Amino acid sequence: MKALVFALGSGFVFGTGLWVSGMANPKKVLGFLDITGKWDASLLLVMAAAVAITLVGFRVVLRNPKPVLEETFELPQKKDIDLPLIAGSAVFGIGWGIAGYCPGPAITALAALSTESIVFVAAMIAGGLLHRFALAPRDG
């Protein structure tokens, strides 16, 4: 139960940050991606702040022998750059460029009940389910 409370709290802080920074607005993101038009550099500042906070936060947290709510840290073990990583990154970037949403801001934007955010999140869920049940490698 404690883990659920922390997860919900983290999601609330993340979503609030997206709203405050304007990143839940796809026009803001598309303005950043439009380098030949009226370029909006504010997303660059938001990303730089997020990376700086993450770098400091990880250094502090990983000094602990174990996480607060778990027995061990679960850090990625895979270091290879392979075709699924490149393809997934490309699909993510293309979708972000077309829609102006990535998963976090899209879920946050659902609060506005806009048709575009609802369609994006529905497509995102459908893509995740397609991958899980039809495309993901089977263990066995």
Protein backbone atom coordinates (compact mmCIF):
# COMPACT_ATOMS: atom_id res chain seq x y z
CA MET A 1 0.00 0.00 0.00
CA LYS A 2 2.87 2.35 0.84
CA ALA A 3 4.37 1.79 -2.63
CA LEU A 4 1.05 2.68 -4.26
CA VAL A 5 0.85 5.93 -2.30
CA PHE A 6 4.40 6.85 -3.35
CA ALA A 7 3.66 5.95 -6.99
CA LEU A 8 0.50 8.08 -7.02
CA GLY A 9 2.33 10.94 -5.32
CA SER A 10 5.18 10.76 -7.85
CA GLY A 11 2.70 10.72 -10.72
CA PHE A 12 0.90 13.73 -9.28
CA VAL A 13 4.16 15.70 -8.94
CA PHE A 14 5.18 14.72 -12.49
CA GLY A 15 1.79 15.65 -13.95
CA THR A 16 1.74 18.95 -12.08
CA GLY A 17 5.20 19.74 -13.42
CA LEU A 18 4.03 19.01 -16.96
CA TRP A 19 1.04 21.36 -16.56
CA VAL A 20 3.05 24.14 -14.93
CA SER A 21 5.77 23.97 -17.60
CA GLY A 22 3.19 23.90 -20.42
CA MET A 23 4.45 20.56 -21.71
CA ALA A 24 0.97 18.99 -21.61
CA ASN A 25 0.12 21.37 -24.47
CA PRO A 26 1.09 19.74 -27.78
CA LYS A 27 1.36 23.16 -29.46
CA LYS A 28 4.25 23.96 -27.11
CA VAL A 29 6.07 20.77 -28.10
CA LEU A 30 5.40 21.27 -31.81
CA GLY A 31 6.69 24.85 -31.44
CA PHE A 32 9.95 23.41 -30.12
CA LEU A 33 10.20 20.97 -33.02
CA ASP A 34 9.54 23.72 -35.61
CA ILE A 35 13.13 24.95 -35.99
CA THR A 36 12.45 26.67 -39.32
CA GLY A 37 9.41 28.63 -38.12
CA LYS A 38 8.64 30.36 -34.85
CA TRP A 39 10.90 28.22 -32.64
CA ASP A 40 9.97 27.89 -28.94
CA ALA A 41 13.04 26.98 -26.85
CA SER A 42 11.15 26.56 -23.57
CA LEU A 43 11.03 22.76 -23.91
CA LEU A 44 14.83 22.74 -24.05
CA LEU A 45 14.93 24.55 -20.70
CA VAL A 46 12.41 22.12 -19.17
CA MET A 47 14.43 19.13 -20.42
CA ALA A 48 17.71 20.61 -19.14
CA ALA A 49 16.20 21.19 -15.69
CA ALA A 50 14.77 17.65 -15.63
CA VAL A 51 18.13 16.11 -16.59
CA ALA A 52 19.98 18.17 -13.97
CA ILE A 53 17.53 17.19 -11.22
CA THR A 54 17.67 13.54 -12.28
CA LEU A 55 21.48 13.47 -12.28
CA VAL A 56 21.62 14.88 -8.76
CA GLY A 57 18.70 12.72 -7.56
CA PHE A 58 20.18 9.45 -8.84
CA ARG A 59 23.56 10.23 -7.26
CA VAL A 60 21.89 10.83 -3.88
CA VAL A 61 19.49 7.86 -4.04
CA LEU A 62 22.04 5.31 -5.29
CA ARG A 63 24.31 6.05 -2.31
CA ASN A 64 21.81 4.15 -0.18
CA PRO A 65 22.35 0.40 0.19
CA LYS A 66 18.76 -0.30 -0.90
CA PRO A 67 15.58 1.55 -1.88
CA VAL A 68 13.09 2.59 0.79
CA LEU A 69 10.27 0.31 -0.37
CA GLU A 70 12.13 -2.58 -2.03
CA GLU A 71 14.95 -4.99 -1.24
CA THR A 72 17.19 -4.06 -4.18
CA PHE A 73 17.50 -1.40 -6.85
CA GLU A 74 16.21 -2.50 -10.26
CA LEU A 75 18.57 -0.89 -12.75
CA PRO A 76 18.77 -1.73 -16.45
CA GLN A 77 21.26 -4.48 -17.24
CA LYS A 78 21.10 -4.32 -21.02
CA LYS A 79 23.62 -1.96 -22.59
CA ASP A 80 23.35 -3.00 -26.26
CA ILE A 81 22.03 -0.71 -28.96
CA ASP A 82 19.96 -3.03 -31.12
CA LEU A 83 17.26 -2.84 -33.79
CA PRO A 84 14.28 -2.90 -31.37
CA LEU A 85 15.80 0.02 -29.43
CA ILE A 86 16.42 2.05 -32.59
CA ALA A 87 13.00 1.21 -34.08
CA GLY A 88 11.21 2.01 -30.83
CA SER A 89 13.05 5.32 -30.52
CA ALA A 90 12.16 6.22 -34.10
CA VAL A 91 8.48 5.38 -33.63
CA PHE A 92 8.43 7.37 -30.37
CA GLY A 93 10.05 10.40 -32.04
CA ILE A 94 7.84 10.28 -35.11
CA GLY A 95 4.70 9.99 -32.99
CA TRP A 96 5.86 12.84 -30.76
CA GLY A 97 6.58 15.01 -33.79
CA ILE A 98 3.24 14.28 -35.44
CA ALA A 99 1.00 14.55 -32.39
CA GLY A 100 2.99 16.79 -30.06
CA TYR A 101 2.44 14.27 -27.27
CA CYS A 102 4.56 11.66 -25.61
CA PRO A 103 3.06 9.27 -23.02
CA GLY A 104 3.43 11.35 -19.84
CA PRO A 105 2.02 14.62 -21.19
CA ALA A 106 -0.70 12.74 -23.08
CA ILE A 107 -1.98 11.10 -19.91
CA THR A 108 -1.76 14.45 -18.10
CA ALA A 109 -3.68 16.13 -20.94
CA LEU A 110 -6.57 13.70 -20.45
CA ALA A 111 -7.66 16.02 -17.62
CA ALA A 112 -8.69 18.55 -20.29
CA LEU A 113 -10.83 15.87 -22.02
CA SER A 114 -9.61 16.96 -25.46
CA THR A 115 -10.44 14.64 -28.33
CA GLU A 116 -6.81 14.57 -29.48
CA SER A 117 -5.48 13.46 -26.08
CA ILE A 118 -8.18 10.78 -25.76
CA VAL A 119 -7.40 9.44 -29.26
CA PHE A 120 -3.65 9.54 -28.60
CA VAL A 121 -3.91 7.67 -25.29
CA ALA A 122 -6.30 5.11 -26.80
CA ALA A 123 -3.84 4.52 -29.67
CA MET A 124 -0.95 4.31 -27.20
CA ILE A 125 -2.78 1.67 -25.14
CA ALA A 126 -3.73 -0.26 -28.30
CA GLY A 127 -0.09 -0.21 -29.45
CA GLY A 128 1.09 -1.45 -26.06
CA LEU A 129 -1.45 -4.27 -26.09
CA LEU A 130 -0.54 -5.18 -29.68
CA HIS A 131 3.10 -5.40 -28.68
CA ARG A 132 2.41 -7.43 -25.54
CA PHE A 133 0.08 -9.98 -27.11
CA ALA A 134 1.19 -10.15 -30.76
CA LEU A 135 4.72 -8.86 -31.22
CA ALA A 136 6.65 -9.43 -27.99
CA PRO A 137 8.94 -12.45 -27.90
CA ARG A 138 7.49 -15.36 -25.96
CA ASP A 139 9.30 -16.88 -23.03
CA GLY A 140 9.57 -20.58 -23.23
